[in-house]
N, C-alpha and C. Protein backbone atom coordinates (compact mmCIF):
# COMPACT_ATOMS: atom_id res chain seq x y z
N MET A 1 0.86 -1.19 0.00
CA MET A 1 0.00 0.00 0.00
C MET A 1 0.89 1.24 0.00
N PRO A 2 0.59 2.18 -0.86
CA PRO A 2 1.44 3.37 -0.93
C PRO A 2 1.30 4.23 0.32
N GLY A 3 2.35 4.98 0.63
CA GLY A 3 2.30 5.90 1.76
C GLY A 3 1.57 7.17 1.41
N VAL A 4 1.30 7.96 2.43
CA VAL A 4 0.58 9.21 2.22
C VAL A 4 1.34 10.13 1.28
N SER A 5 2.66 10.09 1.35
CA SER A 5 3.45 10.98 0.50
C SER A 5 3.32 10.62 -0.98
N ASP A 6 2.85 9.42 -1.29
CA ASP A 6 2.69 9.00 -2.67
C ASP A 6 1.42 9.55 -3.31
N PHE A 7 0.50 10.05 -2.51
CA PHE A 7 -0.77 10.53 -3.06
C PHE A 7 -0.59 11.91 -3.70
N GLN A 8 -1.31 12.11 -4.77
CA GLN A 8 -1.30 13.42 -5.41
C GLN A 8 -2.36 14.28 -4.73
N HIS A 9 -1.93 15.26 -4.03
CA HIS A 9 -2.87 16.15 -3.34
C HIS A 9 -3.20 17.30 -4.29
N LEU A 10 -4.37 17.19 -4.87
CA LEU A 10 -4.75 18.13 -5.92
C LEU A 10 -5.36 19.42 -5.39
N LEU A 11 -5.77 19.42 -4.13
CA LEU A 11 -6.43 20.59 -3.57
C LEU A 11 -5.47 21.40 -2.72
N SER A 12 -5.57 22.70 -2.83
CA SER A 12 -4.76 23.56 -1.97
C SER A 12 -5.37 23.55 -0.57
N THR A 13 -4.57 23.93 0.40
CA THR A 13 -5.06 24.03 1.78
C THR A 13 -6.21 25.02 1.86
N ARG A 14 -6.12 26.08 1.09
CA ARG A 14 -7.18 27.09 1.07
C ARG A 14 -8.50 26.48 0.59
N GLU A 15 -8.43 25.69 -0.47
CA GLU A 15 -9.63 25.05 -1.02
C GLU A 15 -10.22 24.05 -0.03
N VAL A 16 -9.38 23.30 0.64
CA VAL A 16 -9.86 22.34 1.65
C VAL A 16 -10.55 23.09 2.78
N LEU A 17 -9.92 24.15 3.27
CA LEU A 17 -10.53 24.95 4.33
C LEU A 17 -11.86 25.55 3.90
N LEU A 18 -11.92 26.02 2.67
CA LEU A 18 -13.15 26.60 2.14
C LEU A 18 -14.26 25.54 2.09
N ARG A 19 -13.96 24.38 1.59
CA ARG A 19 -14.96 23.32 1.48
C ARG A 19 -15.44 22.85 2.85
N LEU A 20 -14.49 22.58 3.75
CA LEU A 20 -14.87 22.11 5.08
C LEU A 20 -15.56 23.22 5.88
N GLY A 21 -15.08 24.44 5.71
CA GLY A 21 -15.71 25.56 6.41
C GLY A 21 -17.14 25.79 5.93
N ALA A 22 -17.34 25.74 4.62
CA ALA A 22 -18.69 25.91 4.07
C ALA A 22 -19.62 24.82 4.58
N ALA A 23 -19.15 23.59 4.59
CA ALA A 23 -19.98 22.48 5.08
C ALA A 23 -20.36 22.69 6.54
N THR A 24 -19.40 23.08 7.36
CA THR A 24 -19.66 23.30 8.77
C THR A 24 -20.66 24.43 8.99
N VAL A 25 -20.47 25.52 8.28
CA VAL A 25 -21.38 26.66 8.41
C VAL A 25 -22.78 26.30 7.92
N PHE A 26 -22.87 25.61 6.79
CA PHE A 26 -24.18 25.24 6.24
C PHE A 26 -24.92 24.31 7.21
N GLY A 27 -24.20 23.33 7.74
CA GLY A 27 -24.81 22.42 8.73
C GLY A 27 -25.26 23.17 9.97
N ALA A 28 -24.43 24.11 10.43
CA ALA A 28 -24.78 24.90 11.61
C ALA A 28 -26.01 25.76 11.37
N ILE A 29 -26.16 26.26 10.16
CA ILE A 29 -27.34 27.08 9.85
C ILE A 29 -28.61 26.23 9.96
N VAL A 30 -28.57 25.02 9.42
CA VAL A 30 -29.71 24.12 9.57
C VAL A 30 -29.93 23.79 11.05
N GLY A 31 -28.85 23.53 11.76
CA GLY A 31 -28.94 23.21 13.18
C GLY A 31 -29.47 24.37 14.02
N PHE A 32 -29.21 25.59 13.58
CA PHE A 32 -29.70 26.76 14.31
C PHE A 32 -31.22 26.75 14.39
N ASP A 33 -31.86 26.38 13.27
CA ASP A 33 -33.32 26.28 13.30
C ASP A 33 -33.77 25.22 14.29
N ARG A 34 -33.14 24.08 14.30
CA ARG A 34 -33.51 23.01 15.22
C ARG A 34 -33.30 23.46 16.67
N GLU A 35 -32.25 24.22 16.89
CA GLU A 35 -31.94 24.73 18.23
C GLU A 35 -33.01 25.73 18.68
N LEU A 36 -33.44 26.59 17.76
CA LEU A 36 -34.47 27.58 18.09
C LEU A 36 -35.77 26.92 18.54
N HIS A 37 -36.04 25.73 18.01
CA HIS A 37 -37.27 25.01 18.35
C HIS A 37 -37.04 23.93 19.40
N SER A 38 -35.89 24.00 20.08
CA SER A 38 -35.55 23.05 21.15
C SER A 38 -35.69 21.60 20.70
N LYS A 39 -35.19 21.32 19.51
CA LYS A 39 -35.26 19.97 18.95
C LYS A 39 -33.92 19.27 19.14
N PRO A 40 -33.94 17.94 19.12
CA PRO A 40 -32.66 17.22 19.17
C PRO A 40 -31.89 17.46 17.88
N ALA A 41 -30.64 17.13 17.89
CA ALA A 41 -29.76 17.32 16.73
C ALA A 41 -29.75 18.78 16.32
N GLY A 42 -29.26 19.62 17.21
CA GLY A 42 -29.23 21.05 16.98
C GLY A 42 -27.97 21.54 16.31
N LEU A 43 -27.54 22.70 16.70
CA LEU A 43 -26.46 23.44 16.07
C LEU A 43 -25.18 22.62 15.92
N ARG A 44 -24.66 22.11 17.01
CA ARG A 44 -23.39 21.39 16.95
C ARG A 44 -23.52 20.07 16.20
N THR A 45 -24.62 19.36 16.43
CA THR A 45 -24.80 18.07 15.76
C THR A 45 -24.85 18.24 14.25
N GLN A 46 -25.66 19.18 13.79
CA GLN A 46 -25.80 19.39 12.34
C GLN A 46 -24.49 19.86 11.73
N ALA A 47 -23.77 20.74 12.43
CA ALA A 47 -22.48 21.21 11.92
C ALA A 47 -21.50 20.05 11.80
N LEU A 48 -21.47 19.18 12.80
CA LEU A 48 -20.56 18.04 12.76
C LEU A 48 -20.95 17.02 11.69
N VAL A 49 -22.25 16.83 11.48
CA VAL A 49 -22.70 15.91 10.43
C VAL A 49 -22.22 16.42 9.07
N ALA A 50 -22.43 17.69 8.80
CA ALA A 50 -22.02 18.25 7.52
C ALA A 50 -20.50 18.22 7.37
N LEU A 51 -19.78 18.54 8.44
CA LEU A 51 -18.32 18.50 8.41
C LEU A 51 -17.82 17.08 8.16
N GLY A 52 -18.40 16.11 8.84
CA GLY A 52 -18.00 14.71 8.65
C GLY A 52 -18.25 14.24 7.23
N ALA A 53 -19.41 14.58 6.69
CA ALA A 53 -19.73 14.18 5.32
C ALA A 53 -18.76 14.83 4.33
N ALA A 54 -18.45 16.10 4.55
CA ALA A 54 -17.51 16.78 3.67
C ALA A 54 -16.12 16.16 3.77
N THR A 55 -15.72 15.82 4.96
CA THR A 55 -14.40 15.21 5.15
C THR A 55 -14.30 13.87 4.43
N VAL A 56 -15.32 13.04 4.57
CA VAL A 56 -15.33 11.75 3.87
C VAL A 56 -15.24 11.97 2.36
N THR A 57 -16.00 12.92 1.86
CA THR A 57 -15.99 13.20 0.42
C THR A 57 -14.62 13.66 -0.04
N LEU A 58 -13.98 14.55 0.73
CA LEU A 58 -12.65 15.04 0.36
C LEU A 58 -11.62 13.92 0.37
N VAL A 59 -11.65 13.11 1.42
CA VAL A 59 -10.67 12.03 1.54
C VAL A 59 -10.82 11.05 0.38
N VAL A 60 -12.04 10.63 0.15
CA VAL A 60 -12.27 9.65 -0.91
C VAL A 60 -11.97 10.24 -2.29
N SER A 61 -12.34 11.50 -2.49
CA SER A 61 -12.05 12.14 -3.78
C SER A 61 -10.55 12.21 -4.01
N ASP A 62 -9.81 12.54 -2.95
CA ASP A 62 -8.36 12.63 -3.07
C ASP A 62 -7.76 11.24 -3.33
N LEU A 63 -8.21 10.26 -2.57
CA LEU A 63 -7.69 8.91 -2.75
C LEU A 63 -8.08 8.32 -4.10
N ALA A 64 -9.23 8.69 -4.61
CA ALA A 64 -9.70 8.16 -5.90
C ALA A 64 -8.86 8.68 -7.06
N GLN A 65 -8.12 9.75 -6.82
CA GLN A 65 -7.32 10.36 -7.89
C GLN A 65 -5.84 10.00 -7.79
N VAL A 66 -5.52 8.95 -7.02
CA VAL A 66 -4.14 8.54 -6.85
C VAL A 66 -3.60 8.02 -8.19
N GLY A 67 -2.42 8.43 -8.53
CA GLY A 67 -1.81 7.97 -9.77
C GLY A 67 -2.48 8.60 -10.97
N SER A 68 -2.50 7.87 -12.06
CA SER A 68 -3.06 8.41 -13.29
C SER A 68 -4.51 8.01 -13.50
N THR A 69 -5.08 7.21 -12.59
CA THR A 69 -6.46 6.77 -12.77
C THR A 69 -7.37 7.47 -11.79
N TYR A 70 -8.60 7.58 -12.17
CA TYR A 70 -9.62 8.17 -11.30
C TYR A 70 -10.71 7.12 -11.12
N SER A 71 -11.13 6.91 -9.90
CA SER A 71 -12.12 5.88 -9.61
C SER A 71 -13.41 6.51 -9.08
N PRO A 72 -14.35 6.81 -9.98
CA PRO A 72 -15.62 7.38 -9.52
C PRO A 72 -16.40 6.38 -8.66
N ASP A 73 -16.13 5.08 -8.85
CA ASP A 73 -16.82 4.07 -8.03
C ASP A 73 -16.48 4.23 -6.56
N ALA A 74 -15.23 4.57 -6.25
CA ALA A 74 -14.82 4.75 -4.86
C ALA A 74 -15.57 5.92 -4.24
N VAL A 75 -15.70 7.00 -4.98
CA VAL A 75 -16.42 8.17 -4.48
C VAL A 75 -17.89 7.82 -4.28
N SER A 76 -18.46 7.13 -5.24
CA SER A 76 -19.87 6.73 -5.16
C SER A 76 -20.13 5.84 -3.94
N ARG A 77 -19.26 4.90 -3.70
CA ARG A 77 -19.43 4.00 -2.54
C ARG A 77 -19.33 4.77 -1.23
N ALA A 78 -18.41 5.70 -1.16
CA ALA A 78 -18.25 6.50 0.07
C ALA A 78 -19.50 7.34 0.32
N ILE A 79 -20.02 7.95 -0.72
CA ILE A 79 -21.23 8.77 -0.57
C ILE A 79 -22.40 7.89 -0.13
N GLN A 80 -22.52 6.71 -0.71
CA GLN A 80 -23.57 5.78 -0.30
C GLN A 80 -23.41 5.40 1.18
N GLY A 81 -22.17 5.19 1.60
CA GLY A 81 -21.91 4.85 3.00
C GLY A 81 -22.30 5.96 3.94
N VAL A 82 -21.99 7.19 3.57
CA VAL A 82 -22.36 8.34 4.40
C VAL A 82 -23.88 8.42 4.52
N ILE A 83 -24.57 8.32 3.41
CA ILE A 83 -26.03 8.43 3.42
C ILE A 83 -26.64 7.32 4.28
N THR A 84 -26.12 6.10 4.17
CA THR A 84 -26.62 4.99 4.99
C THR A 84 -26.35 5.25 6.47
N GLY A 85 -25.15 5.67 6.79
CA GLY A 85 -24.81 5.95 8.18
C GLY A 85 -25.64 7.06 8.78
N ILE A 86 -25.90 8.07 8.00
CA ILE A 86 -26.71 9.19 8.47
C ILE A 86 -28.14 8.74 8.73
N GLY A 87 -28.61 7.77 7.96
CA GLY A 87 -29.94 7.21 8.21
C GLY A 87 -30.06 6.65 9.61
N PHE A 88 -29.02 6.01 10.09
CA PHE A 88 -29.03 5.48 11.45
C PHE A 88 -29.02 6.60 12.48
N LEU A 89 -28.23 7.64 12.23
CA LEU A 89 -28.18 8.78 13.14
C LEU A 89 -29.54 9.48 13.19
N GLY A 90 -30.14 9.68 12.04
CA GLY A 90 -31.46 10.31 11.98
C GLY A 90 -32.52 9.47 12.66
N ALA A 91 -32.42 8.14 12.53
CA ALA A 91 -33.40 7.27 13.17
C ALA A 91 -33.38 7.43 14.69
N GLY A 92 -32.23 7.78 15.22
CA GLY A 92 -32.13 7.99 16.66
C GLY A 92 -32.90 9.20 17.15
N ALA A 93 -33.23 10.11 16.24
CA ALA A 93 -33.99 11.31 16.60
C ALA A 93 -35.49 11.07 16.56
N ILE A 94 -35.91 9.94 16.01
CA ILE A 94 -37.34 9.66 15.84
C ILE A 94 -37.83 8.83 17.03
N VAL A 95 -38.86 9.33 17.68
CA VAL A 95 -39.44 8.63 18.83
C VAL A 95 -40.96 8.59 18.68
N ARG A 96 -41.54 7.57 19.30
CA ARG A 96 -43.00 7.46 19.31
C ARG A 96 -43.47 7.69 20.74
N ASP A 97 -44.37 8.64 20.89
CA ASP A 97 -44.96 8.94 22.19
C ASP A 97 -45.92 7.79 22.54
N GLN A 98 -45.63 7.09 23.62
CA GLN A 98 -46.44 5.93 23.99
C GLN A 98 -47.87 6.29 24.36
N SER A 99 -48.07 7.46 24.95
CA SER A 99 -49.43 7.84 25.37
C SER A 99 -50.31 8.23 24.20
N SER A 100 -49.78 9.01 23.26
CA SER A 100 -50.61 9.47 22.15
C SER A 100 -50.35 8.71 20.85
N GLN A 101 -49.34 7.85 20.86
CA GLN A 101 -48.93 7.09 19.68
C GLN A 101 -48.52 7.98 18.51
N GLN A 102 -48.14 9.23 18.80
CA GLN A 102 -47.66 10.13 17.76
C GLN A 102 -46.15 9.97 17.60
N VAL A 103 -45.70 10.17 16.39
CA VAL A 103 -44.27 10.08 16.07
C VAL A 103 -43.69 11.49 16.08
N HIS A 104 -42.56 11.64 16.73
CA HIS A 104 -41.87 12.94 16.82
C HIS A 104 -40.45 12.78 16.30
N GLY A 105 -39.89 13.83 15.76
CA GLY A 105 -38.50 13.84 15.36
C GLY A 105 -38.24 13.60 13.89
N LEU A 106 -39.29 13.46 13.10
CA LEU A 106 -39.08 13.20 11.68
C LEU A 106 -38.42 14.38 10.96
N THR A 107 -38.83 15.59 11.31
CA THR A 107 -38.23 16.77 10.68
C THR A 107 -36.77 16.89 11.08
N THR A 108 -36.46 16.61 12.33
CA THR A 108 -35.07 16.66 12.77
C THR A 108 -34.25 15.60 12.03
N ALA A 109 -34.78 14.41 11.89
CA ALA A 109 -34.08 13.36 11.15
C ALA A 109 -33.85 13.77 9.70
N ALA A 110 -34.86 14.37 9.10
CA ALA A 110 -34.72 14.83 7.72
C ALA A 110 -33.68 15.95 7.62
N SER A 111 -33.63 16.82 8.62
CA SER A 111 -32.66 17.91 8.59
C SER A 111 -31.24 17.37 8.75
N VAL A 112 -31.06 16.30 9.51
CA VAL A 112 -29.74 15.66 9.63
C VAL A 112 -29.33 15.10 8.27
N TRP A 113 -30.27 14.50 7.58
CA TRP A 113 -29.99 13.94 6.26
C TRP A 113 -29.60 15.05 5.28
N VAL A 114 -30.33 16.17 5.32
CA VAL A 114 -30.02 17.30 4.44
C VAL A 114 -28.65 17.87 4.79
N SER A 115 -28.33 17.96 6.08
CA SER A 115 -27.01 18.46 6.47
C SER A 115 -25.90 17.58 5.91
N SER A 116 -26.13 16.28 5.91
CA SER A 116 -25.10 15.39 5.35
C SER A 116 -24.95 15.62 3.84
N ALA A 117 -26.07 15.82 3.16
CA ALA A 117 -26.01 16.09 1.72
C ALA A 117 -25.29 17.41 1.44
N LEU A 118 -25.54 18.42 2.29
CA LEU A 118 -24.83 19.70 2.15
C LEU A 118 -23.33 19.49 2.34
N GLY A 119 -22.98 18.67 3.32
CA GLY A 119 -21.57 18.36 3.57
C GLY A 119 -20.94 17.62 2.40
N LEU A 120 -21.67 16.66 1.85
CA LEU A 120 -21.15 15.93 0.68
C LEU A 120 -20.91 16.88 -0.48
N ALA A 121 -21.84 17.78 -0.71
CA ALA A 121 -21.69 18.74 -1.81
C ALA A 121 -20.49 19.64 -1.58
N CYS A 122 -20.35 20.14 -0.35
CA CYS A 122 -19.21 21.02 -0.04
C CYS A 122 -17.89 20.27 -0.17
N GLY A 123 -17.86 19.03 0.31
CA GLY A 123 -16.65 18.22 0.20
C GLY A 123 -16.26 17.97 -1.24
N ALA A 124 -17.25 17.87 -2.11
CA ALA A 124 -16.99 17.65 -3.53
C ALA A 124 -16.64 18.95 -4.25
N GLY A 125 -16.63 20.06 -3.51
CA GLY A 125 -16.29 21.34 -4.11
C GLY A 125 -17.48 22.07 -4.70
N LEU A 126 -18.66 21.58 -4.42
CA LEU A 126 -19.87 22.18 -4.98
C LEU A 126 -20.58 23.05 -3.95
N TRP A 127 -19.80 23.79 -3.17
CA TRP A 127 -20.41 24.57 -2.08
C TRP A 127 -21.30 25.67 -2.61
N ARG A 128 -21.01 26.23 -3.76
CA ARG A 128 -21.90 27.25 -4.34
C ARG A 128 -23.25 26.64 -4.70
N LEU A 129 -23.20 25.44 -5.29
CA LEU A 129 -24.42 24.72 -5.61
C LEU A 129 -25.19 24.39 -4.32
N ALA A 130 -24.48 24.08 -3.24
CA ALA A 130 -25.11 23.71 -1.97
C ALA A 130 -25.89 24.87 -1.36
N LEU A 131 -25.62 26.09 -1.78
CA LEU A 131 -26.39 27.23 -1.28
C LEU A 131 -27.87 27.11 -1.65
N ILE A 132 -28.15 26.50 -2.79
CA ILE A 132 -29.55 26.37 -3.24
C ILE A 132 -30.33 25.42 -2.32
N PRO A 133 -29.85 24.18 -2.08
CA PRO A 133 -30.60 23.33 -1.15
C PRO A 133 -30.58 23.87 0.28
N LEU A 134 -29.53 24.59 0.66
CA LEU A 134 -29.52 25.20 1.99
C LEU A 134 -30.67 26.20 2.10
N GLY A 135 -30.82 27.05 1.10
CA GLY A 135 -31.91 28.03 1.10
C GLY A 135 -33.27 27.36 1.09
N LEU A 136 -33.41 26.33 0.29
CA LEU A 136 -34.69 25.61 0.25
C LEU A 136 -34.99 24.91 1.57
N ALA A 137 -33.96 24.32 2.19
CA ALA A 137 -34.16 23.66 3.49
C ALA A 137 -34.62 24.66 4.54
N LEU A 138 -33.99 25.83 4.55
CA LEU A 138 -34.40 26.86 5.51
C LEU A 138 -35.82 27.34 5.23
N ALA A 139 -36.16 27.46 3.96
CA ALA A 139 -37.53 27.86 3.61
C ALA A 139 -38.53 26.83 4.12
N VAL A 140 -38.22 25.57 3.95
CA VAL A 140 -39.10 24.51 4.45
C VAL A 140 -39.21 24.59 5.97
N LEU A 141 -38.08 24.73 6.64
CA LEU A 141 -38.09 24.75 8.11
C LEU A 141 -38.76 26.00 8.68
N TRP A 142 -38.52 27.15 8.06
CA TRP A 142 -39.04 28.40 8.61
C TRP A 142 -40.43 28.74 8.10
N LEU A 143 -40.62 28.65 6.79
CA LEU A 143 -41.87 29.12 6.22
C LEU A 143 -43.01 28.11 6.35
N LEU A 144 -42.70 26.85 6.31
CA LEU A 144 -43.77 25.85 6.38
C LEU A 144 -44.15 25.46 7.81
N HIS A 145 -43.33 25.83 8.78
CA HIS A 145 -43.66 25.51 10.18
C HIS A 145 -44.99 26.14 10.61
N PRO A 146 -45.22 27.44 10.38
CA PRO A 146 -46.51 28.02 10.76
C PRO A 146 -47.69 27.38 10.03
N VAL A 147 -47.48 27.02 8.77
CA VAL A 147 -48.55 26.36 8.00
C VAL A 147 -48.87 25.01 8.63
N GLU A 148 -47.84 24.27 8.96
CA GLU A 148 -48.02 22.96 9.60
C GLU A 148 -48.75 23.09 10.94
N GLU A 149 -48.40 24.11 11.70
CA GLU A 149 -49.07 24.33 12.99
C GLU A 149 -50.55 24.65 12.80
N ARG A 150 -50.87 25.49 11.82
CA ARG A 150 -52.28 25.80 11.54
C ARG A 150 -53.06 24.56 11.15
N ILE A 151 -52.49 23.74 10.31
CA ILE A 151 -53.15 22.50 9.89
C ILE A 151 -53.35 21.59 11.10
N ARG A 152 -52.32 21.48 11.92
CA ARG A 152 -52.40 20.63 13.10
C ARG A 152 -53.51 21.11 14.05
N ARG A 153 -53.57 22.43 14.29
CA ARG A 153 -54.61 22.97 15.17
C ARG A 153 -56.00 22.77 14.58
N ARG A 154 -56.10 22.92 13.29
CA ARG A 154 -57.40 22.78 12.62
C ARG A 154 -57.91 21.34 12.69
N ASN A 155 -57.00 20.38 12.65
CA ASN A 155 -57.39 18.97 12.64
C ASN A 155 -57.54 18.37 14.03
N GLN A 156 -57.23 19.14 15.07
CA GLN A 156 -57.40 18.62 16.43
C GLN A 156 -58.88 18.57 16.76
N PRO A 157 -59.30 17.46 17.40
CA PRO A 157 -60.72 17.41 17.80
C PRO A 157 -61.01 18.47 18.85
N VAL A 158 -62.20 19.02 18.75
CA VAL A 158 -62.61 20.05 19.71
C VAL A 158 -62.99 19.32 20.99
N SER A 159 -62.35 19.73 22.06
CA SER A 159 -62.67 19.08 23.33
C SER A 159 -63.88 19.78 23.96
N ALA A 160 -64.65 18.98 24.63
CA ALA A 160 -65.84 19.54 25.28
C ALA A 160 -65.39 20.48 26.39
N SER A 161 -66.03 21.61 26.47
CA SER A 161 -65.67 22.55 27.52
C SER A 161 -66.17 21.99 28.85
N PRO A 162 -65.41 22.20 29.88
CA PRO A 162 -65.83 21.66 31.18
C PRO A 162 -67.14 22.31 31.64
N VAL A 163 -67.97 21.50 32.19
CA VAL A 163 -69.26 21.99 32.69
C VAL A 163 -69.05 22.53 34.09
N GLU A 164 -69.50 23.75 34.27
CA GLU A 164 -69.36 24.33 35.60
C GLU A 164 -70.50 23.83 36.47
N PRO A 165 -70.17 23.45 37.69
CA PRO A 165 -71.26 22.97 38.57
C PRO A 165 -72.19 24.12 38.94
N LEU A 166 -73.43 23.77 39.12
CA LEU A 166 -74.42 24.77 39.53
C LEU A 166 -74.17 25.17 40.96
N PRO A 167 -74.45 26.42 41.26
CA PRO A 167 -74.25 26.84 42.68
C PRO A 167 -75.26 26.12 43.55
N PRO A 168 -74.86 25.86 44.79
CA PRO A 168 -75.77 25.14 45.69
C PRO A 168 -77.06 25.97 45.93
N THR A 169 -78.17 25.30 46.00
CA THR A 169 -79.46 25.97 46.30
C THR A 169 -79.72 25.93 47.78
N ARG A 170 -80.42 26.92 48.29
CA ARG A 170 -80.74 26.97 49.71
C ARG A 170 -82.16 26.75 49.93
């Protein structure tokens, strides 16, 4: 197996910092929304998910370009591995309330998945492209939350108002 010095490092330190920094910031932005709503997988978790995904993408992309050949299969397998692993992390955020049988945490799990995709994009050097899904994710989290709440309130059964007891008669 070749040593690290044998690898062709095609990216400058500046480019690596830019990619990893963008991934971390993008993940943190998604996590900020989760933090504002006191949800699991908040600011630090989302930032680390995006950073980890970007790091895996950078490492595999660099290793795939060793020598004169390029192996897109290696990059594809790594991305598939990240997405699968993130599925397990996201599943940990999903819980079922035993009393009401309602499921909670699906949006947080989805936001973890989106953060990993943002990290993968940044790691691949597509951080400018990642601004579009970042903006759309924030729009979904911020703009659709009030709509979801209105629908939820509208669909709740109306509870009977408590009956006040009659005053005692003399």
